[in-house]
Amino acid sequence: MSRGCLIGRRVRYYIGTPVADAASLSALPIGDDRHADGCICVKLDDSTLWVYDTASVLAAGANVIASTYGPGRWLDAAGLELASTANGDGASLVGIEDAATKFDATDVEGALAELVATSTGDGASLIGIEDVADYFTGGEVETALAELGAFKPIKRTVTITSADLDTAGTGPETETIGAVLPQTAVVVAYRISLTDAFDNGAGVSLVLEVGHSNDVDAYEDAFDCFTGSALEGSGWVYVTPGPGIGAPAWNGTSVGQCVATFTAGADQLANFTGGSVTIEIIALDVA
């Protein structure tokens, strides 16, 4: 027998004689050379390559043909690699056109790695946004997130008790509410919680104003903190909002320090006892 004939027989052993269709492939009996683990067979109706795996128990489908005789499955060679999660298979075999040259990688596996990377220029920087309402100036997720971050809320909070009021007179006494606001901040809301009303044993009053160093009652100008106040224990409340909501706390010459101002009706502020009130300012930096 010639060397060429021997080579031909060797190829037929590993690849096997082609079959007409899926039914013919499934019907290959035990004992047929093609019905062996790892044997490759060509299905002529669609010119696809199929590999026999005696250990496979996958459900029959587009890429799997069950054998009529004995254990094992015929697996579509191309589909097997694309569905595989092994290194070098699956998404690593699927190329990308990348007409906009967004990725360094040329396959789906590499592109996905760039999408989840946190290095500059990767990750969210590669994901575009449609933005039909034209809310953002940037065209990708990374820039849009940066723009949203610029509007993150700023909170300034303080709790004042009777121990903090030490003015030997009716006042007013001013207490600062947290740190100075940025010059570009706009106050959008405030709230007050009177945990315990203030008392001094006399039938006077104690009024709280909330504002900033340029306008001490810009946000609240008549909050009742005295004994018997209907606001005691009511949690966070908003009473008489002033005109400062939605406006900057700066006027170009003074700092934007939020303040709480206390004024007694007829007694010294230092004489008040038992009382606790919390004031919270919420602002947005619109720089």
Foldseek 3Di string as FASTA:
>chain_A
DDPVVVVVVVVCLQANEADAALVRVQADEPVHSQQDAQHWYAHPVVRFIWGWHQPDPDDDDPQWRHHPYHGTIIGGPLVVQCPDPDPCGHQVPAADPPPVVLAPDGTPVRLVVQCPDPDPSGHQVSAADPPPVPPAPDGTDVRVVVLVVLFDKDKWKDKDFLQNAAFQWQDFDKDWTHDFDPQQKAWADKWKAKQAAKEQPDPKWKFKAKAWPVDRNQAHDGQTRHPPRPRHPVGIDGDDGHNRRGHGLDDPPDISIIMMIMGMGGGGSNRIHDTMMMMMIMITRPD
